[in-house]
């Protein structure tokens, strides 16, 4: 739990760099899609807990920490970028 919390803090505190949505898609399809069906991201937006890009990044980091897979910060940013471009379309807030 402490490792997951530390990862979340690092993800939120680290400035984002140029994300690669295609790489994020590949990572998502390889490591996430077996549990997260695409339809989870297509639910009614009014019922979604994700309202900002920061919240999306936090959720990606939190879910990734639960898998035990060694994702890098770049991996997490790329996955969040893919999900934002393909499903959420949130303003980046920068």
PDB file of N, CA and C in Angstrom:
ATOM      1  N   UNK A   1       0.825  -1.193   0.000  1.00  0.00           N
ATOM      2  CA  UNK A   1       0.000   0.000   0.000  1.00  0.00           C
ATOM      3  C   UNK A   1       0.867   1.254   0.000  1.00  0.00           C
ATOM      4  N   UNK A   2       1.950   1.234   0.782  1.00  0.00           N
ATOM      5  CA  UNK A   2       2.831   2.398   0.816  1.00  0.00           C
ATOM      6  C   UNK A   2       3.475   2.636  -0.539  1.00  0.00           C
ATOM      7  N   UNK A   3       3.828   1.550  -1.232  1.00  0.00           N
ATOM      8  CA  UNK A   3       4.431   1.688  -2.560  1.00  0.00           C
ATOM      9  C   UNK A   3       3.437   2.297  -3.539  1.00  0.00           C
ATOM     10  N   UNK A   4       2.182   1.882  -3.447  1.00  0.00           N
ATOM     11  CA  UNK A   4       1.154   2.430  -4.338  1.00  0.00           C
ATOM     12  C   UNK A   4       0.955   3.914  -4.057  1.00  0.00           C
ATOM     13  N   UNK A   5       0.916   4.281  -2.797  1.00  0.00           N
ATOM     14  CA  UNK A   5       0.750   5.691  -2.434  1.00  0.00           C
ATOM     15  C   UNK A   5       1.935   6.511  -2.914  1.00  0.00           C
ATOM     16  N   UNK A   6       3.132   5.986  -2.763  1.00  0.00           N
ATOM     17  CA  UNK A   6       4.324   6.694  -3.222  1.00  0.00           C
ATOM     18  C   UNK A   6       4.284   6.879  -4.735  1.00  0.00           C
ATOM     19  N   UNK A   7       3.837   5.864  -5.463  1.00  0.00           N
ATOM     20  CA  UNK A   7       3.726   5.971  -6.914  1.00  0.00           C
ATOM     21  C   UNK A   7       2.738   7.060  -7.303  1.00  0.00           C
ATOM     22  N   UNK A   8       1.616   7.109  -6.629  1.00  0.00           N
ATOM     23  CA  UNK A   8       0.596   8.118  -6.923  1.00  0.00           C
ATOM     24  C   UNK A   8       1.154   9.511  -6.676  1.00  0.00           C
ATOM     25  N   UNK A   9       1.860   9.700  -5.576  1.00  0.00           N
ATOM     26  CA  UNK A   9       2.446  11.009  -5.258  1.00  0.00           C
ATOM     27  C   UNK A   9       3.450  11.410  -6.335  1.00  0.00           C
ATOM     28  N   UNK A  10       4.286  10.482  -6.753  1.00  0.00           N
ATOM     29  CA  UNK A  10       5.282  10.776  -7.782  1.00  0.00           C
ATOM     30  C   UNK A  10       4.609  11.129  -9.099  1.00  0.00           C
ATOM     31  N   UNK A  11       3.568  10.381  -9.465  1.00  0.00           N
ATOM     32  CA  UNK A  11       2.874  10.636 -10.731  1.00  0.00           C
ATOM     33  C   UNK A  11       2.258  12.023 -10.733  1.00  0.00           C
ATOM     34  N   UNK A  12       1.638  12.408  -9.648  1.00  0.00           N
ATOM     35  CA  UNK A  12       0.996  13.719  -9.595  1.00  0.00           C
ATOM     36  C   UNK A  12       2.004  14.859  -9.501  1.00  0.00           C
ATOM     37  N   UNK A  13       3.143  14.599  -8.901  1.00  0.00           N
ATOM     38  CA  UNK A  13       4.135  15.652  -8.706  1.00  0.00           C
ATOM     39  C   UNK A  13       5.058  15.820  -9.911  1.00  0.00           C
ATOM     40  N   UNK A  14       5.122  14.808 -10.752  1.00  0.00           N
ATOM     41  CA  UNK A  14       6.029  14.842 -11.892  1.00  0.00           C
ATOM     42  C   UNK A  14       5.371  15.549 -13.071  1.00  0.00           C
ATOM     43  N   UNK A  15       6.045  16.522 -13.651  1.00  0.00           N
ATOM     44  CA  UNK A  15       5.470  17.164 -14.836  1.00  0.00           C
ATOM     45  C   UNK A  15       5.399  16.160 -15.980  1.00  0.00           C
ATOM     46  N   UNK A  16       4.358  16.287 -16.774  1.00  0.00           N
ATOM     47  CA  UNK A  16       4.213  15.366 -17.893  1.00  0.00           C
ATOM     48  C   UNK A  16       5.137  15.776 -19.022  1.00  0.00           C
ATOM     49  N   UNK A  17       5.593  14.822 -19.773  1.00  0.00           N
ATOM     50  CA  UNK A  17       6.383  15.085 -20.959  1.00  0.00           C
ATOM     51  C   UNK A  17       5.548  14.656 -22.149  1.00  0.00           C
ATOM     52  N   UNK A  18       6.110  14.742 -23.317  1.00  0.00           N
ATOM     53  CA  UNK A  18       5.352  14.415 -24.526  1.00  0.00           C
ATOM     54  C   UNK A  18       4.888  12.959 -24.465  1.00  0.00           C
ATOM     55  N   UNK A  19       3.597  12.788 -24.317  1.00  0.00           N
ATOM     56  CA  UNK A  19       3.050  11.451 -24.221  1.00  0.00           C
ATOM     57  C   UNK A  19       2.867  10.856 -25.613  1.00  0.00           C
ATOM     58  N   UNK A  20       2.929   9.553 -25.671  1.00  0.00           N
ATOM     59  CA  UNK A  20       2.777   8.814 -26.913  1.00  0.00           C
ATOM     60  C   UNK A  20       1.514   7.977 -26.815  1.00  0.00           C
ATOM     61  N   UNK A  21       0.421   8.468 -27.401  1.00  0.00           N
ATOM     62  CA  UNK A  21      -0.872   7.792 -27.290  1.00  0.00           C
ATOM     63  C   UNK A  21      -0.859   6.416 -27.955  1.00  0.00           C
ATOM     64  N   UNK A  22      -0.131   6.266 -29.052  1.00  0.00           N
ATOM     65  CA  UNK A  22      -0.072   4.961 -29.716  1.00  0.00           C
ATOM     66  C   UNK A  22       0.627   3.938 -28.816  1.00  0.00           C
ATOM     67  N   UNK A  23       1.720   4.358 -28.203  1.00  0.00           N
ATOM     68  CA  UNK A  23       2.419   3.473 -27.260  1.00  0.00           C
ATOM     69  C   UNK A  23       1.508   3.169 -26.075  1.00  0.00           C
ATOM     70  N   UNK A  24       0.772   4.164 -25.616  1.00  0.00           N
ATOM     71  CA  UNK A  24      -0.177   3.963 -24.523  1.00  0.00           C
ATOM     72  C   UNK A  24      -1.243   2.946 -24.888  1.00  0.00           C
ATOM     73  N   UNK A  25      -1.710   3.018 -26.123  1.00  0.00           N
ATOM     74  CA  UNK A  25      -2.704   2.044 -26.589  1.00  0.00           C
ATOM     75  C   UNK A  25      -2.132   0.629 -26.558  1.00  0.00           C
ATOM     76  N   UNK A  26      -0.903   0.489 -27.032  1.00  0.00           N
ATOM     77  CA  UNK A  26      -0.262  -0.830 -27.032  1.00  0.00           C
ATOM     78  C   UNK A  26      -0.089  -1.355 -25.609  1.00  0.00           C
ATOM     79  N   UNK A  27       0.340  -0.497 -24.695  1.00  0.00           N
ATOM     80  CA  UNK A  27       0.484  -0.902 -23.297  1.00  0.00           C
ATOM     81  C   UNK A  27      -0.867  -1.286 -22.698  1.00  0.00           C
ATOM     82  N   UNK A  28      -1.868  -0.466 -22.969  1.00  0.00           N
ATOM     83  CA  UNK A  28      -3.213  -0.730 -22.451  1.00  0.00           C
ATOM     84  C   UNK A  28      -3.738  -2.068 -22.971  1.00  0.00           C
ATOM     85  N   UNK A  29      -3.614  -2.274 -24.278  1.00  0.00           N
ATOM     86  CA  UNK A  29      -4.127  -3.511 -24.866  1.00  0.00           C
ATOM     87  C   UNK A  29      -3.356  -4.739 -24.378  1.00  0.00           C
ATOM     88  N   UNK A  30      -2.086  -4.572 -24.083  1.00  0.00           N
ATOM     89  CA  UNK A  30      -1.266  -5.685 -23.612  1.00  0.00           C
ATOM     90  C   UNK A  30      -1.481  -5.985 -22.134  1.00  0.00           C
ATOM     91  N   UNK A  31      -1.565  -4.951 -21.309  1.00  0.00           N
ATOM     92  CA  UNK A  31      -1.542  -5.158 -19.858  1.00  0.00           C
ATOM     93  C   UNK A  31      -2.856  -4.857 -19.135  1.00  0.00           C
ATOM     94  N   UNK A  32      -3.752  -4.122 -19.750  1.00  0.00           N
ATOM     95  CA  UNK A  32      -4.941  -3.653 -19.032  1.00  0.00           C
ATOM     96  C   UNK A  32      -6.250  -4.236 -19.558  1.00  0.00           C
ATOM     97  N   UNK A  33      -6.288  -4.496 -20.839  1.00  0.00           N
ATOM     98  CA  UNK A  33      -7.534  -4.869 -21.503  1.00  0.00           C
ATOM     99  C   UNK A  33      -8.101  -6.195 -21.012  1.00  0.00           C
ATOM    100  N   UNK A  34      -7.262  -7.073 -20.481  1.00  0.00           N
ATOM    101  CA  UNK A  34      -7.773  -8.368 -20.003  1.00  0.00           C
ATOM    102  C   UNK A  34      -8.750  -8.183 -18.836  1.00  0.00           C
ATOM    103  N   UNK A  35      -8.584  -7.131 -18.051  1.00  0.00           N
ATOM    104  CA  UNK A  35      -9.506  -6.852 -16.935  1.00  0.00           C
ATOM    105  C   UNK A  35     -10.442  -5.687 -17.238  1.00  0.00           C
ATOM    106  N   UNK A  36      -9.940  -4.685 -17.940  1.00  0.00           N
ATOM    107  CA  UNK A  36     -10.728  -3.494 -18.240  1.00  0.00           C
ATOM    108  C   UNK A  36     -11.250  -3.579 -19.663  1.00  0.00           C
ATOM    109  N   UNK A  37     -12.476  -3.968 -19.773  1.00  0.00           N
ATOM    110  CA  UNK A  37     -13.085  -3.993 -21.095  1.00  0.00           C
ATOM    111  C   UNK A  37     -13.215  -2.556 -21.583  1.00  0.00           C
ATOM    112  N   UNK A  38     -13.111  -2.344 -22.868  1.00  0.00           N
ATOM    113  CA  UNK A  38     -13.215  -1.000 -23.442  1.00  0.00           C
ATOM    114  C   UNK A  38     -14.501  -0.297 -23.014  1.00  0.00           C
ATOM    115  N   UNK A  39     -15.565  -1.045 -22.817  1.00  0.00           N
ATOM    116  CA  UNK A  39     -16.840  -0.406 -22.491  1.00  0.00           C
ATOM    117  C   UNK A  39     -16.819   0.323 -21.147  1.00  0.00           C
ATOM    118  N   UNK A  40     -15.881  -0.014 -20.272  1.00  0.00           N
ATOM    119  CA  UNK A  40     -15.808   0.682 -18.977  1.00  0.00           C
ATOM    120  C   UNK A  40     -15.541   2.171 -19.190  1.00  0.00           C
ATOM    121  N   UNK A  41     -14.836   2.496 -20.249  1.00  0.00           N
ATOM    122  CA  UNK A  41     -14.500   3.895 -20.529  1.00  0.00           C
ATOM    123  C   UNK A  41     -15.587   4.587 -21.340  1.00  0.00           C
ATOM    124  N   UNK A  42     -16.570   3.847 -21.790  1.00  0.00           N
ATOM    125  CA  UNK A  42     -17.635   4.409 -22.622  1.00  0.00           C
ATOM    126  C   UNK A  42     -18.944   4.599 -21.851  1.00  0.00           C
ATOM    127  N   UNK A  43     -18.889   4.485 -20.558  1.00  0.00           N
ATOM    128  CA  UNK A  43     -20.113   4.658 -19.776  1.00  0.00           C
ATOM    129  C   UNK A  43     -20.544   6.121 -19.786  1.00  0.00           C
ATOM    130  N   UNK A  44     -21.722   6.365 -19.306  1.00  0.00           N
ATOM    131  CA  UNK A  44     -22.284   7.713 -19.250  1.00  0.00           C
ATOM    132  C   UNK A  44     -21.300   8.644 -18.528  1.00  0.00           C
ATOM    133  N   UNK A  45     -20.820   9.682 -19.202  1.00  0.00           N
ATOM    134  CA  UNK A  45     -19.842  10.585 -18.581  1.00  0.00           C
ATOM    135  C   UNK A  45     -20.319  11.199 -17.262  1.00  0.00           C
ATOM    136  N   UNK A  46     -21.610  11.364 -17.096  1.00  0.00           N
ATOM    137  CA  UNK A  46     -22.107  11.941 -15.847  1.00  0.00           C
ATOM    138  C   UNK A  46     -21.902  10.996 -14.661  1.00  0.00           C
ATOM    139  N   UNK A  47     -21.667   9.716 -14.927  1.00  0.00           N
ATOM    140  CA  UNK A  47     -21.443   8.729 -13.865  1.00  0.00           C
ATOM    141  C   UNK A  47     -19.964   8.456 -13.630  1.00  0.00           C
ATOM    142  N   UNK A  48     -19.107   9.036 -14.453  1.00  0.00           N
ATOM    143  CA  UNK A  48     -17.672   8.809 -14.338  1.00  0.00           C
ATOM    144  C   UNK A  48     -17.092   9.584 -13.154  1.00  0.00           C
ATOM    145  N   UNK A  49     -16.119   8.981 -12.499  1.00  0.00           N
ATOM    146  CA  UNK A  49     -15.404   9.657 -11.417  1.00  0.00           C
ATOM    147  C   UNK A  49     -14.264  10.513 -11.957  1.00  0.00           C
ATOM    148  N   UNK A  50     -13.970  10.365 -13.233  1.00  0.00           N
ATOM    149  CA  UNK A  50     -12.867  11.080 -13.877  1.00  0.00           C
ATOM    150  C   UNK A  50     -13.389  12.378 -14.481  1.00  0.00           C
ATOM    151  N   UNK A  51     -12.916  13.506 -13.944  1.00  0.00           N
ATOM    152  CA  UNK A  51     -13.347  14.815 -14.433  1.00  0.00           C
ATOM    153  C   UNK A  51     -12.195  15.665 -14.964  1.00  0.00           C
ATOM    154  N   UNK A  52     -10.973  15.294 -14.563  1.00  0.00           N
ATOM    155  CA  UNK A  52      -9.799  16.060 -14.983  1.00  0.00           C
ATOM    156  C   UNK A  52      -8.706  15.091 -15.437  1.00  0.00           C
ATOM    157  N   UNK A  53      -7.744  15.630 -16.162  1.00  0.00           N
ATOM    158  CA  UNK A  53      -6.622  14.818 -16.591  1.00  0.00           C
ATOM    159  C   UNK A  53      -5.815  14.331 -15.387  1.00  0.00           C
ATOM    160  N   UNK A  54      -5.696  15.149 -14.368  1.00  0.00           N
ATOM    161  CA  UNK A  54      -4.992  14.734 -13.150  1.00  0.00           C
ATOM    162  C   UNK A  54      -5.687  13.534 -12.500  1.00  0.00           C
ATOM    163  N   UNK A  55      -7.011  13.546 -12.475  1.00  0.00           N
ATOM    164  CA  UNK A  55      -7.751  12.410 -11.917  1.00  0.00           C
ATOM    165  C   UNK A  55      -7.547  11.154 -12.765  1.00  0.00           C
ATOM    166  N   UNK A  56      -7.500  11.322 -14.072  1.00  0.00           N
ATOM    167  CA  UNK A  56      -7.257  10.185 -14.959  1.00  0.00           C
ATOM    168  C   UNK A  56      -5.871   9.610 -14.701  1.00  0.00           C
ATOM    169  N   UNK A  57      -4.876  10.467 -14.618  1.00  0.00           N
ATOM    170  CA  UNK A  57      -3.502  10.009 -14.341  1.00  0.00           C
ATOM    171  C   UNK A  57      -3.444   9.292 -12.998  1.00  0.00           C
ATOM    172  N   UNK A  58      -4.153   9.820 -12.014  1.00  0.00           N
ATOM    173  CA  UNK A  58      -4.181   9.193 -10.696  1.00  0.00           C
ATOM    174  C   UNK A  58      -4.815   7.800 -10.763  1.00  0.00           C
ATOM    175  N   UNK A  59      -5.910   7.668 -11.486  1.00  0.00           N
ATOM    176  CA  UNK A  59      -6.578   6.373 -11.625  1.00  0.00           C
ATOM    177  C   UNK A  59      -5.698   5.369 -12.363  1.00  0.00           C
ATOM    178  N   UNK A  60      -5.037   5.813 -13.420  1.00  0.00           N
ATOM    179  CA  UNK A  60      -4.140   4.924 -14.157  1.00  0.00           C
ATOM    180  C   UNK A  60      -3.019   4.442 -13.232  1.00  0.00           C
ATOM    181  N   UNK A  61      -2.416   5.346 -12.486  1.00  0.00           N
ATOM    182  CA  UNK A  61      -1.334   4.972 -11.567  1.00  0.00           C
ATOM    183  C   UNK A  61      -1.831   4.033 -10.471  1.00  0.00           C
ATOM    184  N   UNK A  62      -3.002   4.324  -9.948  1.00  0.00           N
ATOM    185  CA  UNK A  62      -3.574   3.494  -8.889  1.00  0.00           C
ATOM    186  C   UNK A  62      -3.860   2.086  -9.383  1.00  0.00           C
ATOM    187  N   UNK A  63      -4.480   1.978 -10.547  1.00  0.00           N
ATOM    188  CA  UNK A  63      -4.787   0.651 -11.117  1.00  0.00           C
ATOM    189  C   UNK A  63      -3.517  -0.095 -11.478  1.00  0.00           C
ATOM    190  N   UNK A  64      -2.545   0.616 -12.016  1.00  0.00           N
ATOM    191  CA  UNK A  64      -1.282  -0.016 -12.382  1.00  0.00           C
ATOM    192  C   UNK A  64      -0.570  -0.567 -11.150  1.00  0.00           C
ATOM    193  N   UNK A  65      -0.607   0.186 -10.058  1.00  0.00           N
ATOM    194  CA  UNK A  65       0.037  -0.272  -8.822  1.00  0.00           C
ATOM    195  C   UNK A  65      -0.600  -1.558  -8.314  1.00  0.00           C
ATOM    196  N   UNK A  66      -1.882  -1.727  -8.543  1.00  0.00           N
ATOM    197  CA  UNK A  66      -2.586  -2.936  -8.098  1.00  0.00           C
ATOM    198  C   UNK A  66      -2.155  -4.180  -8.874  1.00  0.00           C
ATOM    199  N   UNK A  67      -1.651  -3.993 -10.081  1.00  0.00           N
ATOM    200  CA  UNK A  67      -1.259  -5.144 -10.904  1.00  0.00           C
ATOM    201  C   UNK A  67       0.089  -5.709 -10.498  1.00  0.00           C
ATOM    202  N   UNK A  68       0.925  -4.892  -9.891  1.00  0.00           N
ATOM    203  CA  UNK A  68       2.263  -5.334  -9.544  1.00  0.00           C
ATOM    204  C   UNK A  68       3.231  -5.304 -10.719  1.00  0.00           C
ATOM    205  N   UNK A  69       2.772  -4.845 -11.861  1.00  0.00           N
ATOM    206  CA  UNK A  69       3.651  -4.750 -13.029  1.00  0.00           C
ATOM    207  C   UNK A  69       4.566  -3.536 -12.880  1.00  0.00           C
ATOM    208  N   UNK A  70       5.784  -3.631 -13.379  1.00  0.00           N
ATOM    209  CA  UNK A  70       6.739  -2.524 -13.221  1.00  0.00           C
ATOM    210  C   UNK A  70       6.577  -1.446 -14.294  1.00  0.00           C
ATOM    211  N   UNK A  71       5.474  -0.710 -14.257  1.00  0.00           N
ATOM    212  CA  UNK A  71       5.266   0.382 -15.202  1.00  0.00           C
ATOM    213  C   UNK A  71       6.169   1.554 -14.834  1.00  0.00           C
ATOM    214  N   UNK A  72       6.697   2.224 -15.846  1.00  0.00           N
ATOM    215  CA  UNK A  72       7.464   3.447 -15.617  1.00  0.00           C
ATOM    216  C   UNK A  72       6.489   4.626 -15.610  1.00  0.00           C
ATOM    217  N   UNK A  73       6.963   5.784 -15.200  1.00  0.00           N
ATOM    218  CA  UNK A  73       6.124   6.985 -15.253  1.00  0.00           C
ATOM    219  C   UNK A  73       5.748   7.301 -16.693  1.00  0.00           C
ATOM    220  N   UNK A  74       6.675   7.059 -17.610  1.00  0.00           N
ATOM    221  CA  UNK A  74       6.386   7.286 -19.022  1.00  0.00           C
ATOM    222  C   UNK A  74       5.272   6.344 -19.499  1.00  0.00           C
ATOM    223  N   UNK A  75       5.317   5.087 -19.060  1.00  0.00           N
ATOM    224  CA  UNK A  75       4.254   4.130 -19.400  1.00  0.00           C
ATOM    225  C   UNK A  75       2.904   4.650 -18.928  1.00  0.00           C
ATOM    226  N   UNK A  76       2.855   5.090 -17.684  1.00  0.00           N
ATOM    227  CA  UNK A  76       1.597   5.562 -17.090  1.00  0.00           C
ATOM    228  C   UNK A  76       1.074   6.795 -17.823  1.00  0.00           C
ATOM    229  N   UNK A  77       1.974   7.717 -18.155  1.00  0.00           N
ATOM    230  CA  UNK A  77       1.557   8.911 -18.900  1.00  0.00           C
ATOM    231  C   UNK A  77       1.042   8.540 -20.286  1.00  0.00           C
ATOM    232  N   UNK A  78       1.706   7.588 -20.929  1.00  0.00           N
ATOM    233  CA  UNK A  78       1.275   7.173 -22.266  1.00  0.00           C
ATOM    234  C   UNK A  78      -0.096   6.498 -22.213  1.00  0.00           C
ATOM    235  N   UNK A  79      -0.329   5.673 -21.217  1.00  0.00           N
ATOM    236  CA  UNK A  79      -1.635   5.025 -21.070  1.00  0.00           C
ATOM    237  C   UNK A  79      -2.713   6.073 -20.806  1.00  0.00           C
ATOM    238  N   UNK A  80      -2.432   7.017 -19.919  1.00  0.00           N
ATOM    239  CA  UNK A  80      -3.403   8.078 -19.630  1.00  0.00           C
ATOM    240  C   UNK A  80      -3.671   8.911 -20.882  1.00  0.00           C
ATOM    241  N   UNK A  81      -2.634   9.192 -21.653  1.00  0.00           N
ATOM    242  CA  UNK A  81      -2.809   9.970 -22.887  1.00  0.00           C
ATOM    243  C   UNK A  81      -3.697   9.211 -23.870  1.00  0.00           C
ATOM    244  N   UNK A  82      -3.446   7.916 -24.029  1.00  0.00           N
ATOM    245  CA  UNK A  82      -4.285   7.109 -24.918  1.00  0.00           C
ATOM    246  C   UNK A  82      -5.742   7.143 -24.454  1.00  0.00           C
ATOM    247  N   UNK A  83      -5.970   6.911 -23.173  1.00  0.00           N
ATOM    248  CA  UNK A  83      -7.345   6.892 -22.662  1.00  0.00           C
ATOM    249  C   UNK A  83      -8.011   8.254 -22.806  1.00  0.00           C
ATOM    250  N   UNK A  84      -7.244   9.313 -22.591  1.00  0.00           N
ATOM    251  CA  UNK A  84      -7.826  10.644 -22.736  1.00  0.00           C
ATOM    252  C   UNK A  84      -8.201  10.931 -24.190  1.00  0.00           C
ATOM    253  N   UNK A  85      -7.333  10.615 -25.104  1.00  0.00           N
ATOM    254  CA  UNK A  85      -7.621  10.881 -26.526  1.00  0.00           C
ATOM    255  C   UNK A  85      -8.730   9.987 -27.068  1.00  0.00           C
ATOM    256  N   UNK A  86      -8.768   8.738 -26.605  1.00  0.00           N
ATOM    257  CA  UNK A  86      -9.721   7.788 -27.175  1.00  0.00           C
ATOM    258  C   UNK A  86     -11.080   7.795 -26.487  1.00  0.00           C
ATOM    259  N   UNK A  87     -11.135   8.172 -25.210  1.00  0.00           N
ATOM    260  CA  UNK A  87     -12.384   8.040 -24.473  1.00  0.00           C
ATOM    261  C   UNK A  87     -12.807   9.284 -23.696  1.00  0.00           C
ATOM    262  N   UNK A  88     -11.914   9.866 -22.938  1.00  0.00           N
ATOM    263  CA  UNK A  88     -12.318  10.904 -21.984  1.00  0.00           C
ATOM    264  C   UNK A  88     -12.344  12.305 -22.581  1.00  0.00           C
ATOM    265  N   UNK A  89     -11.349  12.644 -23.369  1.00  0.00           N
ATOM    266  CA  UNK A  89     -11.244  13.967 -23.995  1.00  0.00           C
ATOM    267  C   UNK A  89     -11.329  15.110 -22.980  1.00  0.00           C
ATOM    268  N   UNK A  90     -10.512  14.996 -21.958  1.00  0.00           N
ATOM    269  CA  UNK A  90     -10.474  15.984 -20.889  1.00  0.00           C
ATOM    270  C   UNK A  90      -9.511  17.105 -21.248  1.00  0.00           C
ATOM    271  N   UNK A  91      -9.785  18.311 -20.766  1.00  0.00           N
ATOM    272  CA  UNK A  91      -8.801  19.391 -20.968  1.00  0.00           C
ATOM    273  C   UNK A  91      -7.546  19.060 -20.161  1.00  0.00           C
ATOM    274  N   UNK A  92      -6.382  19.429 -20.676  1.00  0.00           N
ATOM    275  CA  UNK A  92      -5.138  19.040 -19.985  1.00  0.00           C
ATOM    276  C   UNK A  92      -4.810  19.914 -18.785  1.00  0.00           C
ATOM    277  N   UNK A  93      -5.413  21.063 -18.675  1.00  0.00           N
ATOM    278  CA  UNK A  93      -5.205  21.892 -17.487  1.00  0.00           C
ATOM    279  C   UNK A  93      -3.847  22.561 -17.424  1.00  0.00           C
ATOM    280  N   UNK A  94      -3.071  22.513 -18.501  1.00  0.00           N
ATOM    281  CA  UNK A  94      -1.749  23.162 -18.473  1.00  0.00           C
ATOM    282  C   UNK A  94      -1.856  24.586 -18.932  1.00  0.00           C
TER     283      UNK A  94
END
